[in-house]
C-alpha atoms as a PDB file:
ATOM      1  CA  UNK A   1       0.211   0.121  -0.320  1.00  0.00           C
ATOM      2  CA  UNK A   2       3.090   2.418   1.000  1.00  0.00           C
ATOM      3  CA  UNK A   3       4.248   1.794  -2.814  1.00  0.00           C
ATOM      4  CA  UNK A   4       0.696   2.625  -4.428  1.00  0.00           C
ATOM      5  CA  UNK A   5       0.303   5.835  -2.203  1.00  0.00           C
ATOM      6  CA  UNK A   6       3.220   8.245  -4.365  1.00  0.00           C
ATOM      7  CA  UNK A   7       2.284   6.779  -7.378  1.00  0.00           C
ATOM      8  CA  UNK A   8      -1.664   7.995  -6.282  1.00  0.00           C
ATOM      9  CA  UNK A   9      -0.090  11.311  -5.239  1.00  0.00           C
ATOM     10  CA  UNK A  10       1.751  11.959  -8.373  1.00  0.00           C
ATOM     11  CA  UNK A  11      -1.564  10.963 -10.369  1.00  0.00           C
ATOM     12  CA  UNK A  12      -3.560  13.703  -8.000  1.00  0.00           C
ATOM     13  CA  UNK A  13      -0.938  16.498  -9.056  1.00  0.00           C
ATOM     14  CA  UNK A  14      -0.572  15.845 -12.685  1.00  0.00           C
ATOM     15  CA  UNK A  15      -4.338  16.221 -12.926  1.00  0.00           C
ATOM     16  CA  UNK A  16      -4.638  18.805 -11.117  1.00  0.00           C
ATOM     17  CA  UNK A  17      -1.672  20.280 -13.203  1.00  0.00           C
ATOM     18  CA  UNK A  18      -3.226  19.095 -16.740  1.00  0.00           C
ATOM     19  CA  UNK A  19      -6.576  20.648 -15.610  1.00  0.00           C
ATOM     20  CA  UNK A  20      -5.197  24.495 -14.634  1.00  0.00           C
ATOM     21  CA  UNK A  21      -3.704  24.874 -18.251  1.00  0.00           C
ATOM     22  CA  UNK A  22      -5.583  27.679 -19.092  1.00  0.00           C
ATOM     23  CA  UNK A  23      -4.862  26.831 -23.721  1.00  0.00           C
ATOM     24  CA  UNK A  24      -8.389  25.821 -24.075  1.00  0.00           C
ATOM     25  CA  UNK A  25     -10.071  28.442 -22.706  1.00  0.00           C
ATOM     26  CA  UNK A  26     -12.791  29.845 -24.893  1.00  0.00           C
ATOM     27  CA  UNK A  27     -12.490  34.312 -25.766  1.00  0.00           C
ATOM     28  CA  UNK A  28     -15.179  35.586 -27.720  1.00  0.00           C
ATOM     29  CA  UNK A  29     -13.857  38.842 -29.386  1.00  0.00           C
ATOM     30  CA  UNK A  30     -15.061  41.750 -31.266  1.00  0.00           C
ATOM     31  CA  UNK A  31     -18.524  41.808 -29.266  1.00  0.00           C
ATOM     32  CA  UNK A  32     -19.446  45.641 -28.870  1.00  0.00           C
ATOM     33  CA  UNK A  33     -20.972  46.044 -25.602  1.00  0.00           C
ATOM     34  CA  UNK A  34     -20.665  50.080 -25.393  1.00  0.00           C
ATOM     35  CA  UNK A  35     -22.427  51.103 -28.127  1.00  0.00           C
ATOM     36  CA  UNK A  36     -26.474  50.243 -28.796  1.00  0.00           C
ATOM     37  CA  UNK A  37     -28.408  52.156 -31.246  1.00  0.00           C
ATOM     38  CA  UNK A  38     -30.736  55.295 -29.606  1.00  0.00           C
ATOM     39  CA  UNK A  39     -33.315  57.544 -31.952  1.00  0.00           C
ATOM     40  CA  UNK A  40     -34.524  61.490 -30.379  1.00  0.00           C
ATOM     41  CA  UNK A  41     -36.701  63.671 -31.969  1.00  0.00           C
ATOM     42  CA  UNK A  42     -35.819  67.513 -32.277  1.00  0.00           C
ATOM     43  CA  UNK A  43     -37.503  70.776 -33.423  1.00  0.00           C
ATOM     44  CA  UNK A  44     -35.190  72.675 -33.388  1.00  0.00           C
ATOM     45  CA  UNK A  45     -34.966  76.629 -33.363  1.00  0.00           C
ATOM     46  CA  UNK A  46     -33.005  77.653 -35.918  1.00  0.00           C
ATOM     47  CA  UNK A  47     -30.361  80.489 -35.659  1.00  0.00           C
ATOM     48  CA  UNK A  48     -29.569  82.765 -39.065  1.00  0.00           C
ATOM     49  CA  UNK A  49     -26.215  83.246 -40.355  1.00  0.00           C
ATOM     50  CA  UNK A  50     -27.478  85.490 -43.548  1.00  0.00           C
ATOM     51  CA  UNK A  51     -30.542  85.585 -45.098  1.00  0.00           C
ATOM     52  CA  UNK A  52     -30.137  82.066 -46.702  1.00  0.00           C
ATOM     53  CA  UNK A  53     -28.882  79.719 -44.506  1.00  0.00           C
ATOM     54  CA  UNK A  54     -29.595  78.830 -41.080  1.00  0.00           C
ATOM     55  CA  UNK A  55     -28.067  76.732 -38.425  1.00  0.00           C
ATOM     56  CA  UNK A  56     -28.513  74.865 -35.278  1.00  0.00           C
ATOM     57  CA  UNK A  57     -26.957  72.810 -32.958  1.00  0.00           C
ATOM     58  CA  UNK A  58     -26.887  70.617 -30.071  1.00  0.00           C
ATOM     59  CA  UNK A  59     -24.632  69.201 -27.444  1.00  0.00           C
ATOM     60  CA  UNK A  60     -25.085  65.293 -26.950  1.00  0.00           C
ATOM     61  CA  UNK A  61     -25.867  64.563 -22.665  1.00  0.00           C
ATOM     62  CA  UNK A  62     -22.324  62.692 -23.114  1.00  0.00           C
ATOM     63  CA  UNK A  63     -19.871  61.720 -25.257  1.00  0.00           C
ATOM     64  CA  UNK A  64     -20.362  59.539 -28.239  1.00  0.00           C
ATOM     65  CA  UNK A  65     -17.532  56.673 -28.149  1.00  0.00           C
ATOM     66  CA  UNK A  66     -15.224  56.897 -31.805  1.00  0.00           C
ATOM     67  CA  UNK A  67     -17.189  54.049 -33.022  1.00  0.00           C
ATOM     68  CA  UNK A  68     -20.432  56.073 -32.850  1.00  0.00           C
ATOM     69  CA  UNK A  69     -22.556  56.961 -35.718  1.00  0.00           C
ATOM     70  CA  UNK A  70     -25.350  59.691 -35.786  1.00  0.00           C
ATOM     71  CA  UNK A  71     -27.936  59.444 -38.805  1.00  0.00           C
ATOM     72  CA  UNK A  72     -30.348  62.525 -38.762  1.00  0.00           C
ATOM     73  CA  UNK A  73     -33.791  62.369 -40.594  1.00  0.00           C
ATOM     74  CA  UNK A  74     -36.104  65.035 -41.674  1.00  0.00           C
ATOM     75  CA  UNK A  75     -40.097  64.533 -41.728  1.00  0.00           C
ATOM     76  CA  UNK A  76     -41.008  65.246 -44.977  1.00  0.00           C
ATOM     77  CA  UNK A  77     -44.929  64.703 -44.189  1.00  0.00           C
ATOM     78  CA  UNK A  78     -47.061  62.026 -43.565  1.00  0.00           C
ATOM     79  CA  UNK A  79     -48.503  58.751 -44.959  1.00  0.00           C
ATOM     80  CA  UNK A  80     -52.322  57.920 -45.595  1.00  0.00           C
ATOM     81  CA  UNK A  81     -52.137  56.221 -42.268  1.00  0.00           C
ATOM     82  CA  UNK A  82     -50.509  59.135 -40.345  1.00  0.00           C
ATOM     83  CA  UNK A  83     -47.036  57.522 -40.171  1.00  0.00           C
ATOM     84  CA  UNK A  84     -44.380  59.990 -40.099  1.00  0.00           C
ATOM     85  CA  UNK A  85     -42.451  60.194 -43.521  1.00  0.00           C
ATOM     86  CA  UNK A  86     -38.652  60.470 -43.046  1.00  0.00           C
ATOM     87  CA  UNK A  87     -35.973  61.434 -45.307  1.00  0.00           C
ATOM     88  CA  UNK A  88     -32.098  60.875 -44.722  1.00  0.00           C
ATOM     89  CA  UNK A  89     -29.522  64.133 -44.672  1.00  0.00           C
ATOM     90  CA  UNK A  90     -28.634  65.441 -47.066  1.00  0.00           C
ATOM     91  CA  UNK A  91     -32.027  66.425 -47.988  1.00  0.00           C
ATOM     92  CA  UNK A  92     -32.525  68.665 -50.867  1.00  0.00           C
ATOM     93  CA  UNK A  93     -35.754  70.502 -51.752  1.00  0.00           C
ATOM     94  CA  UNK A  94     -36.826  71.982 -55.599  1.00  0.00           C
ATOM     95  CA  UNK A  95     -39.397  75.414 -55.094  1.00  0.00           C
ATOM     96  CA  UNK A  96     -40.336  77.304 -58.055  1.00  0.00           C
ATOM     97  CA  UNK A  97     -40.873  74.075 -60.378  1.00  0.00           C
ATOM     98  CA  UNK A  98     -37.206  73.254 -60.027  1.00  0.00           C
ATOM     99  CA  UNK A  99     -35.173  76.666 -60.334  1.00  0.00           C
ATOM    100  CA  UNK A 100     -34.150  77.275 -56.386  1.00  0.00           C
ATOM    101  CA  UNK A 101     -33.421  74.953 -54.196  1.00  0.00           C
ATOM    102  CA  UNK A 102     -33.332  74.394 -50.087  1.00  0.00           C
ATOM    103  CA  UNK A 103     -30.595  71.972 -48.735  1.00  0.00           C
ATOM    104  CA  UNK A 104     -31.076  70.191 -44.971  1.00  0.00           C
ATOM    105  CA  UNK A 105     -27.770  69.460 -44.539  1.00  0.00           C
ATOM    106  CA  UNK A 106     -25.613  67.935 -40.406  1.00  0.00           C
ATOM    107  CA  UNK A 107     -21.968  67.261 -39.362  1.00  0.00           C
ATOM    108  CA  UNK A 108     -21.648  65.305 -36.316  1.00  0.00           C
ATOM    109  CA  UNK A 109     -19.011  65.353 -34.141  1.00  0.00           C
ATOM    110  CA  UNK A 110     -18.959  62.968 -30.825  1.00  0.00           C
ATOM    111  CA  UNK A 111     -19.955  66.079 -28.446  1.00  0.00           C
ATOM    112  CA  UNK A 112     -22.525  67.236 -30.834  1.00  0.00           C
ATOM    113  CA  UNK A 113     -24.627  67.848 -34.005  1.00  0.00           C
ATOM    114  CA  UNK A 114     -24.949  70.633 -36.082  1.00  0.00           C
ATOM    115  CA  UNK A 115     -28.045  70.544 -38.927  1.00  0.00           C
ATOM    116  CA  UNK A 116     -28.238  73.795 -41.577  1.00  0.00           C
ATOM    117  CA  UNK A 117     -30.536  74.803 -43.679  1.00  0.00           C
ATOM    118  CA  UNK A 118     -29.496  76.411 -47.028  1.00  0.00           C
ATOM    119  CA  UNK A 119     -31.046  77.806 -49.849  1.00  0.00           C
ATOM    120  CA  UNK A 120     -30.290  79.483 -53.372  1.00  0.00           C
ATOM    121  CA  UNK A 121     -30.832  83.217 -54.009  1.00  0.00           C
ATOM    122  CA  UNK A 122     -33.965  82.573 -54.576  1.00  0.00           C
ATOM    123  CA  UNK A 123     -35.303  81.343 -52.011  1.00  0.00           C
ATOM    124  CA  UNK A 124     -34.974  84.254 -48.997  1.00  0.00           C
ATOM    125  CA  UNK A 125     -35.475  82.604 -46.493  1.00  0.00           C
ATOM    126  CA  UNK A 126     -36.042  85.566 -44.015  1.00  0.00           C
ATOM    127  CA  UNK A 127     -39.283  85.461 -46.088  1.00  0.00           C
ATOM    128  CA  UNK A 128     -39.947  81.709 -46.385  1.00  0.00           C
ATOM    129  CA  UNK A 129     -39.924  80.947 -42.470  1.00  0.00           C
ATOM    130  CA  UNK A 130     -42.165  77.178 -43.234  1.00  0.00           C
ATOM    131  CA  UNK A 131     -38.608  75.736 -44.579  1.00  0.00           C
ATOM    132  CA  UNK A 132     -36.964  76.534 -40.670  1.00  0.00           C
ATOM    133  CA  UNK A 133     -39.960  76.782 -38.516  1.00  0.00           C
ATOM    134  CA  UNK A 134     -41.547  73.881 -36.364  1.00  0.00           C
ATOM    135  CA  UNK A 135     -39.640  71.240 -38.736  1.00  0.00           C
ATOM    136  CA  UNK A 136     -39.937  67.583 -36.756  1.00  0.00           C
ATOM    137  CA  UNK A 137     -35.743  65.513 -37.260  1.00  0.00           C
ATOM    138  CA  UNK A 138     -35.140  62.674 -35.670  1.00  0.00           C
ATOM    139  CA  UNK A 139     -31.615  62.097 -34.458  1.00  0.00           C
ATOM    140  CA  UNK A 140     -30.369  58.092 -34.496  1.00  0.00           C
ATOM    141  CA  UNK A 141     -26.700  56.796 -33.511  1.00  0.00           C
ATOM    142  CA  UNK A 142     -25.532  53.986 -34.556  1.00  0.00           C
ATOM    143  CA  UNK A 143     -23.015  51.384 -33.797  1.00  0.00           C
ATOM    144  CA  UNK A 144     -20.451  51.702 -36.666  1.00  0.00           C
ATOM    145  CA  UNK A 145     -19.261  48.316 -35.764  1.00  0.00           C
ATOM    146  CA  UNK A 146     -21.937  45.959 -35.253  1.00  0.00           C
ATOM    147  CA  UNK A 147     -19.568  43.972 -33.102  1.00  0.00           C
ATOM    148  CA  UNK A 148     -20.049  41.043 -35.637  1.00  0.00           C
ATOM    149  CA  UNK A 149     -17.692  39.739 -38.070  1.00  0.00           C
ATOM    150  CA  UNK A 150     -19.528  41.167 -40.915  1.00  0.00           C
ATOM    151  CA  UNK A 151     -17.984  43.406 -43.357  1.00  0.00           C
ATOM    152  CA  UNK A 152     -18.254  47.656 -43.502  1.00  0.00           C
ATOM    153  CA  UNK A 153     -19.590  46.725 -46.871  1.00  0.00           C
ATOM    154  CA  UNK A 154     -21.548  43.555 -45.617  1.00  0.00           C
ATOM    155  CA  UNK A 155     -23.563  45.295 -42.702  1.00  0.00           C
ATOM    156  CA  UNK A 156     -24.023  48.312 -45.819  1.00  0.00           C
ATOM    157  CA  UNK A 157     -25.756  45.497 -48.194  1.00  0.00           C
ATOM    158  CA  UNK A 158     -27.581  44.777 -45.020  1.00  0.00           C
ATOM    159  CA  UNK A 159     -29.110  48.461 -43.882  1.00  0.00           C
ATOM    160  CA  UNK A 160     -30.177  51.355 -46.769  1.00  0.00           C
ATOM    161  CA  UNK A 161     -29.334  53.794 -44.085  1.00  0.00           C
ATOM    162  CA  UNK A 162     -31.398  56.089 -47.047  1.00  0.00           C
ATOM    163  CA  UNK A 163     -34.474  53.931 -45.958  1.00  0.00           C
ATOM    164  CA  UNK A 164     -35.156  54.651 -42.127  1.00  0.00           C
ATOM    165  CA  UNK A 165     -37.602  52.351 -41.804  1.00  0.00           C
ATOM    166  CA  UNK A 166     -34.851  49.366 -42.570  1.00  0.00           C
ATOM    167  CA  UNK A 167     -32.215  51.020 -40.377  1.00  0.00           C
ATOM    168  CA  UNK A 168     -34.618  51.287 -37.303  1.00  0.00           C
ATOM    169  CA  UNK A 169     -35.276  47.233 -37.783  1.00  0.00           C
ATOM    170  CA  UNK A 170     -31.602  46.533 -38.826  1.00  0.00           C
ATOM    171  CA  UNK A 171     -30.546  48.179 -35.269  1.00  0.00           C
ATOM    172  CA  UNK A 172     -33.475  46.800 -33.387  1.00  0.00           C
ATOM    173  CA  UNK A 173     -34.917  50.863 -32.125  1.00  0.00           C
ATOM    174  CA  UNK A 174     -38.023  50.648 -30.636  1.00  0.00           C
ATOM    175  CA  UNK A 175     -40.257  53.517 -31.824  1.00  0.00           C
ATOM    176  CA  UNK A 176     -42.401  53.408 -29.304  1.00  0.00           C
ATOM    177  CA  UNK A 177     -39.433  54.584 -26.690  1.00  0.00           C
ATOM    178  CA  UNK A 178     -38.081  57.711 -29.002  1.00  0.00           C
ATOM    179  CA  UNK A 179     -38.958  60.927 -27.137  1.00  0.00           C
ATOM    180  CA  UNK A 180     -38.795  65.057 -27.887  1.00  0.00           C
ATOM    181  CA  UNK A 181     -35.977  66.358 -26.979  1.00  0.00           C
ATOM    182  CA  UNK A 182     -36.705  69.974 -25.691  1.00  0.00           C
END
């Protein structure tokens, strides 16, 4: 019995040493748990730059991550059942039978967004406040990286960013939780 005990002890130590090896651990990489998709509405009060340019700035409550992307949509009307129609900025209207244009564009940084309304000389915005007052915009923040192994081209093929409904569906944004930021 005394001769078997050292072998049992040696086998037990060998088993413990082998089971403590970390080389077989599975590590999941590429999942982004810091970024989630969100959206909110704004009805901005634009500031006059000149008679053909109005601008609006809005700061985020906290800075975005480097991997976040901002999409801004303008509500251009309602469907027959009352659902809003959203157009991705840059969006252009062509008044006066297309001779002039009014363009809505935006930019963003990790701390704020800016929205511009610009017109050509034929549309003086001072005399046409309907182009920049009581306009509703939807700000949608989505991750640039999806946390999967999909390439940017594969994601772009899966979601059409110009189609608001495609974006909402792809990023699982619950429209019933979208609020208006004042």
